[in-house]
Protein backbone atom coordinates (compact mmCIF):
# COMPACT_ATOMS: atom_id res chain seq x y z
CA UNK A 1 -23.13 -49.73 12.14
CA UNK A 2 -26.38 -48.82 10.41
CA UNK A 3 -27.28 -49.84 6.86
CA UNK A 4 -26.27 -46.51 5.30
CA UNK A 5 -22.83 -46.56 6.97
CA UNK A 6 -22.30 -50.16 5.91
CA UNK A 7 -23.12 -49.33 2.29
CA UNK A 8 -20.84 -46.29 2.38
CA UNK A 9 -17.93 -48.31 3.72
CA UNK A 10 -18.43 -51.03 1.12
CA UNK A 11 -18.65 -48.58 -1.77
CA UNK A 12 -15.57 -46.70 -0.58
CA UNK A 13 -13.55 -49.91 -0.46
CA UNK A 14 -14.75 -50.95 -3.93
CA UNK A 15 -14.10 -47.62 -5.65
CA UNK A 16 -10.98 -46.70 -3.72
CA UNK A 17 -12.34 -43.18 -3.22
CA UNK A 18 -12.51 -43.33 0.55
CA UNK A 19 -15.58 -41.11 0.54
CA UNK A 20 -17.44 -43.30 2.98
CA UNK A 21 -14.95 -42.85 5.79
CA UNK A 22 -12.93 -39.69 5.08
CA UNK A 23 -13.95 -36.03 5.14
CA UNK A 24 -14.30 -34.49 1.67
CA UNK A 25 -11.08 -32.51 2.11
CA UNK A 26 -9.12 -35.76 2.54
CA UNK A 27 -10.72 -37.60 -0.37
CA UNK A 28 -8.07 -36.64 -2.94
CA UNK A 29 -9.82 -38.42 -5.80
CA UNK A 30 -13.00 -36.41 -5.37
CA UNK A 31 -13.52 -33.30 -7.54
CA UNK A 32 -13.45 -29.99 -5.74
CA UNK A 33 -17.00 -29.02 -4.64
CA UNK A 34 -18.59 -25.66 -5.49
CA UNK A 35 -17.67 -22.71 -3.30
CA UNK A 36 -21.04 -22.92 -1.56
CA UNK A 37 -23.52 -25.76 -0.98
CA UNK A 38 -25.61 -26.90 -3.92
CA UNK A 39 -29.21 -26.01 -3.04
CA UNK A 40 -31.78 -28.43 -4.45
CA UNK A 41 -35.52 -27.83 -4.12
CA UNK A 42 -37.85 -30.73 -4.95
CA UNK A 43 -41.39 -29.69 -5.84
CA UNK A 44 -44.23 -31.68 -4.30
CA UNK A 45 -47.97 -31.51 -5.00
CA UNK A 46 -50.98 -33.68 -4.26
CA UNK A 47 -50.78 -36.93 -6.23
CA UNK A 48 -47.03 -36.71 -6.92
CA UNK A 49 -45.40 -40.06 -7.68
CA UNK A 50 -43.17 -41.25 -4.84
CA UNK A 51 -40.53 -42.89 -7.05
CA UNK A 52 -40.09 -39.72 -9.09
CA UNK A 53 -38.90 -37.68 -6.13
CA UNK A 54 -37.48 -40.44 -3.89
CA UNK A 55 -34.82 -41.40 -6.43
CA UNK A 56 -33.21 -37.95 -6.73
CA UNK A 57 -33.49 -37.30 -2.99
CA UNK A 58 -31.68 -40.57 -2.23
CA UNK A 59 -28.91 -40.03 -4.80
CA UNK A 60 -28.19 -36.47 -3.69
CA UNK A 61 -28.43 -37.48 -0.05
CA UNK A 62 -25.56 -39.92 -0.53
CA UNK A 63 -23.13 -37.11 -1.35
CA UNK A 64 -24.73 -34.43 0.81
CA UNK A 65 -22.28 -34.55 3.71
CA UNK A 66 -19.15 -34.80 1.59
CA UNK A 67 -20.13 -32.12 -0.91
CA UNK A 68 -22.48 -29.84 0.95
CA UNK A 69 -25.74 -30.56 -0.88
CA UNK A 70 -28.78 -29.03 0.81
CA UNK A 71 -32.18 -30.44 -0.10
CA UNK A 72 -35.65 -29.08 0.61
CA UNK A 73 -39.20 -30.04 -0.29
CA UNK A 74 -41.30 -27.12 -1.55
CA UNK A 75 -44.76 -26.51 -2.95
CA UNK A 76 -45.94 -23.63 -5.13
CA UNK A 77 -48.43 -22.73 -2.40
CA UNK A 78 -45.84 -22.59 0.38
CA UNK A 79 -45.66 -24.75 3.53
CA UNK A 80 -48.45 -27.33 3.75
CA UNK A 81 -49.13 -31.07 3.90
CA UNK A 82 -48.98 -32.92 0.58
CA UNK A 83 -50.70 -36.25 -0.07
CA UNK A 84 -48.73 -38.41 -2.50
CA UNK A 85 -50.10 -40.80 -5.11
CA UNK A 86 -50.04 -43.70 -2.63
CA UNK A 87 -51.70 -41.67 0.10
CA UNK A 88 -48.66 -40.82 2.21
CA UNK A 89 -48.73 -37.41 3.85
CA UNK A 90 -45.60 -35.27 3.73
CA UNK A 91 -45.38 -32.04 5.69
CA UNK A 92 -43.57 -29.42 3.63
CA UNK A 93 -42.04 -26.77 5.87
CA UNK A 94 -39.90 -24.74 3.46
CA UNK A 95 -41.32 -21.70 1.61
CA UNK A 96 -41.46 -21.43 -2.14
CA UNK A 97 -38.21 -19.55 -2.76
CA UNK A 98 -36.73 -20.34 -6.20
CA UNK A 99 -34.16 -17.56 -5.89
CA UNK A 100 -32.52 -19.55 -3.10
CA UNK A 101 -32.23 -22.70 -5.26
CA UNK A 102 -29.57 -23.86 -7.71
CA UNK A 103 -31.66 -26.81 -8.94
CA UNK A 104 -35.43 -27.27 -8.89
CA UNK A 105 -36.55 -30.88 -9.42
CA UNK A 106 -40.08 -31.36 -10.74
CA UNK A 107 -41.29 -34.96 -10.33
CA UNK A 108 -44.21 -36.47 -12.23
CA UNK A 109 -47.66 -37.42 -11.11
CA UNK A 110 -49.24 -39.86 -13.52
CA UNK A 111 -50.38 -39.45 -17.10
CA UNK A 112 -53.52 -38.47 -18.94
CA UNK A 113 -56.92 -37.17 -17.97
CA UNK A 114 -57.51 -37.05 -14.23
CA UNK A 115 -53.82 -37.46 -13.32
CA UNK A 116 -52.17 -35.25 -10.75
CA UNK A 117 -50.06 -33.64 -13.47
CA UNK A 118 -53.14 -32.74 -15.51
CA UNK A 119 -54.82 -31.35 -12.41
CA UNK A 120 -51.80 -29.15 -11.72
CA UNK A 121 -51.75 -27.96 -15.33
CA UNK A 122 -55.46 -27.17 -15.14
CA UNK A 123 -55.07 -25.20 -11.91
CA UNK A 124 -52.16 -23.27 -13.36
CA UNK A 125 -50.55 -22.33 -10.03
CA UNK A 126 -47.49 -24.55 -10.32
CA UNK A 127 -46.80 -23.86 -14.03
CA UNK A 128 -46.98 -20.11 -13.38
CA UNK A 129 -44.64 -20.45 -10.41
CA UNK A 130 -42.16 -22.44 -12.48
CA UNK A 131 -42.29 -19.93 -15.33
CA UNK A 132 -41.61 -17.08 -12.91
CA UNK A 133 -38.72 -18.99 -11.31
CA UNK A 134 -36.51 -18.97 -14.40
CA UNK A 135 -33.26 -17.04 -14.06
CA UNK A 136 -29.60 -17.42 -15.06
CA UNK A 137 -27.84 -20.08 -13.00
CA UNK A 138 -30.97 -22.03 -12.08
CA UNK A 139 -31.32 -25.58 -13.42
CA UNK A 140 -34.86 -26.87 -13.86
CA UNK A 141 -35.06 -30.67 -13.87
CA UNK A 142 -38.13 -32.65 -14.92
CA UNK A 143 -38.54 -36.30 -13.93
CA UNK A 144 -40.84 -38.48 -16.06
CA UNK A 145 -44.22 -36.73 -16.54
CA UNK A 146 -42.92 -33.81 -14.48
CA UNK A 147 -41.53 -32.53 -17.79
CA UNK A 148 -45.14 -31.81 -18.81
CA UNK A 149 -45.38 -29.33 -15.94
CA UNK A 150 -42.30 -27.58 -17.29
CA UNK A 151 -43.91 -27.65 -20.74
CA UNK A 152 -47.08 -26.06 -19.35
CA UNK A 153 -44.82 -23.31 -17.97
CA UNK A 154 -43.42 -22.69 -21.48
CA UNK A 155 -39.96 -23.82 -20.41
CA UNK A 156 -39.56 -26.65 -22.94
CA UNK A 157 -40.74 -24.67 -25.98
CA UNK A 158 -38.50 -25.60 -28.91
CA UNK A 159 -35.95 -27.21 -26.61
CA UNK A 160 -34.57 -30.76 -26.43
CA UNK A 161 -36.35 -32.68 -23.67
CA UNK A 162 -37.84 -36.04 -22.80
CA UNK A 163 -40.50 -37.67 -20.64
CA UNK A 164 -42.22 -41.02 -20.09
CA UNK A 165 -42.66 -42.81 -23.43
CA UNK A 166 -46.44 -42.67 -23.11
CA UNK A 167 -46.35 -38.88 -22.77
CA UNK A 168 -43.95 -38.00 -25.58
CA UNK A 169 -46.71 -37.15 -28.05
CA UNK A 170 -48.25 -34.83 -25.48
CA UNK A 171 -44.87 -33.20 -24.86
CA UNK A 172 -44.42 -32.60 -28.59
CA UNK A 173 -47.91 -31.11 -28.79
CA UNK A 174 -46.92 -28.72 -26.00
CA UNK A 175 -43.93 -27.48 -27.99
CA UNK A 176 -41.06 -29.63 -26.73
CA UNK A 177 -38.43 -31.06 -29.09
CA UNK A 178 -38.53 -34.64 -27.88
CA UNK A 179 -35.27 -36.57 -27.76
CA UNK A 180 -35.18 -40.32 -27.04
CA UNK A 181 -32.44 -40.15 -24.42
CA UNK A 182 -32.90 -41.48 -20.91
CA UNK A 183 -31.63 -38.09 -19.69
CA UNK A 184 -31.56 -34.96 -21.84
CA UNK A 185 -29.30 -32.10 -20.75
CA UNK A 186 -29.90 -28.75 -22.42
CA UNK A 187 -28.00 -26.64 -19.92
CA UNK A 188 -30.48 -25.05 -17.56
CA UNK A 189 -33.10 -27.65 -18.55
CA UNK A 190 -32.47 -31.31 -17.68
CA UNK A 191 -35.21 -33.90 -18.19
CA UNK A 192 -35.57 -37.67 -17.94
CA UNK A 193 -37.97 -40.30 -19.20
CA UNK A 194 -39.30 -43.30 -17.32
CA UNK A 195 -40.64 -44.26 -13.91
CA UNK A 196 -37.18 -44.86 -12.40
CA UNK A 197 -35.41 -42.18 -14.44
CA UNK A 198 -35.07 -39.86 -11.46
CA UNK A 199 -32.16 -42.03 -10.34
CA UNK A 200 -30.42 -41.55 -13.68
CA UNK A 201 -31.15 -37.83 -13.79
CA UNK A 202 -29.75 -37.29 -10.30
CA UNK A 203 -26.65 -39.39 -10.99
CA UNK A 204 -26.03 -37.30 -14.08
CA UNK A 205 -26.38 -34.09 -12.06
CA UNK A 206 -23.87 -35.49 -9.56
CA UNK A 207 -21.45 -36.16 -12.41
CA UNK A 208 -22.08 -32.74 -13.93
CA UNK A 209 -21.47 -30.84 -10.68
CA UNK A 210 -18.95 -33.10 -8.92
CA UNK A 211 -17.39 -35.40 -11.49
CA UNK A 212 -17.64 -38.99 -12.70
CA UNK A 213 -15.88 -40.54 -9.70
CA UNK A 214 -18.40 -39.06 -7.28
CA UNK A 215 -21.25 -40.36 -9.46
CA UNK A 216 -19.60 -43.79 -9.49
CA UNK A 217 -19.42 -43.74 -5.70
CA UNK A 218 -23.16 -42.96 -5.49
CA UNK A 219 -23.88 -45.82 -7.88
CA UNK A 220 -21.89 -48.18 -5.70
CA UNK A 221 -23.75 -47.14 -2.56
CA UNK A 222 -27.08 -47.63 -4.33
CA UNK A 223 -25.95 -50.83 -6.09
CA UNK A 224 -27.55 -49.30 -9.18
CA UNK A 225 -26.09 -48.87 -12.66
CA UNK A 226 -27.31 -45.97 -14.75
CA UNK A 227 -29.53 -46.84 -17.69
CA UNK A 228 -29.67 -45.41 -21.18
CA UNK A 229 -27.90 -42.48 -22.77
CA UNK A 230 -27.38 -38.95 -21.52
CA UNK A 231 -28.06 -36.67 -24.49
CA UNK A 232 -26.24 -33.35 -24.16
CA UNK A 233 -26.81 -30.17 -26.11
CA UNK A 234 -23.78 -28.81 -27.98
CA UNK A 235 -24.45 -25.40 -26.45
CA UNK A 236 -25.11 -26.29 -22.83
CA UNK A 237 -25.48 -23.30 -20.59
CA UNK A 238 -26.80 -22.95 -17.08
CA UNK A 239 -24.85 -23.93 -13.99
């Protein structure tokens, strides 16, 4: 038994959900999944922070088989090799195709002058692509300083949102209505603040799409307890 299977079995026994060993159709405690797979695109770019995208990918990967979650890495420039903040090279094979996504996750890439986020804002390619991607039914999710990329796209203008504490003043200056929640859900815009907040954002998305028991199962597999408060808009729209 590999490590992932061992963790699944242990979490299933602890929660009583049986998700680690039974097909989704037999896991009676699990909420009914959407009629089609949830399609999640995670945006990469040179200098992107590994933790910001690894957390959501891991959380959603835990429930992928049971609930039909399909994940892809994308870049605004299409298929290419991306070099992360720590120098790892990731080959992105999927095209930029926001119309085939239900959720687009935008991770951060540092803060301030010279950071990967500021370079992307200066280039303008990614913010323009994100602005053009907006449509009914698509959730845009910003992790940590990734929210600044959404702000540069005009997506956070006047809307509740959050980011890393050191970037909140910048987010306000770019038109966002900053809220001090760990995760801020304004319907088709979901953002999180902090280096490890991608875990909390993804666990909240799991709860939002599949229910609290499925999110609890993912927490058990990760041996991670969500931090902070999820702030929710009274008029949440989106998916």
